[in-house]
């Protein structure tokens, strides 16, 4: 049987995200003024054989 799992890993909401702050600042400089917050993370897609 083949399985697929999608996993998103990010910092807890109470932890400051400097990468997200940098991305939000860059988006604002590019004219995307409606961006209020950005959180970064990592996405993993696993394909498993069981």
Protein backbone atom coordinates (compact mmCIF):
# COMPACT_ATOMS: atom_id res chain seq x y z
CA UNK A 1 0.00 0.00 0.00
CA UNK A 2 1.34 3.44 -0.94
CA UNK A 3 0.78 6.39 1.35
CA UNK A 4 1.49 10.08 1.00
CA UNK A 5 1.93 12.53 3.87
CA UNK A 6 2.29 16.31 3.76
CA UNK A 7 4.01 17.94 6.74
CA UNK A 8 4.41 21.66 7.41
CA UNK A 9 6.87 22.65 10.14
CA UNK A 10 6.96 26.19 11.53
CA UNK A 11 7.89 28.01 14.70
CA UNK A 12 5.35 28.28 17.49
CA UNK A 13 3.20 31.44 17.27
CA UNK A 14 4.82 32.82 20.44
CA UNK A 15 8.35 32.60 18.94
CA UNK A 16 9.64 35.52 16.86
CA UNK A 17 10.16 34.69 13.17
CA UNK A 18 12.98 36.93 11.83
CA UNK A 19 12.82 35.35 8.36
CA UNK A 20 9.09 36.10 8.18
CA UNK A 21 9.71 39.71 9.25
CA UNK A 22 12.34 40.10 6.52
CA UNK A 23 10.00 38.68 3.88
CA UNK A 24 7.15 40.94 5.03
CA UNK A 25 9.45 43.99 4.82
CA UNK A 26 10.59 43.04 1.32
CA UNK A 27 7.00 42.57 0.15
CA UNK A 28 6.06 45.98 1.53
CA UNK A 29 9.00 47.56 -0.32
CA UNK A 30 7.79 45.89 -3.53
CA UNK A 31 4.42 47.58 -3.15
CA UNK A 32 2.43 44.85 -1.42
CA UNK A 33 1.27 47.21 1.31
CA UNK A 34 -1.60 45.03 2.53
CA UNK A 35 0.73 42.35 3.93
CA UNK A 36 0.36 42.41 7.71
CA UNK A 37 2.35 39.34 8.77
CA UNK A 38 4.40 36.53 7.27
CA UNK A 39 5.44 33.29 8.97
CA UNK A 40 7.99 31.04 7.31
CA UNK A 41 8.35 27.29 7.60
CA UNK A 42 9.30 24.14 5.77
CA UNK A 43 7.08 21.82 3.76
CA UNK A 44 7.83 18.11 3.46
CA UNK A 45 6.01 15.67 1.21
CA UNK A 46 6.61 12.01 2.03
CA UNK A 47 5.74 9.03 -0.14
CA UNK A 48 5.71 5.83 1.88
CA UNK A 49 5.40 2.16 1.06
CA UNK A 50 3.65 0.16 3.78
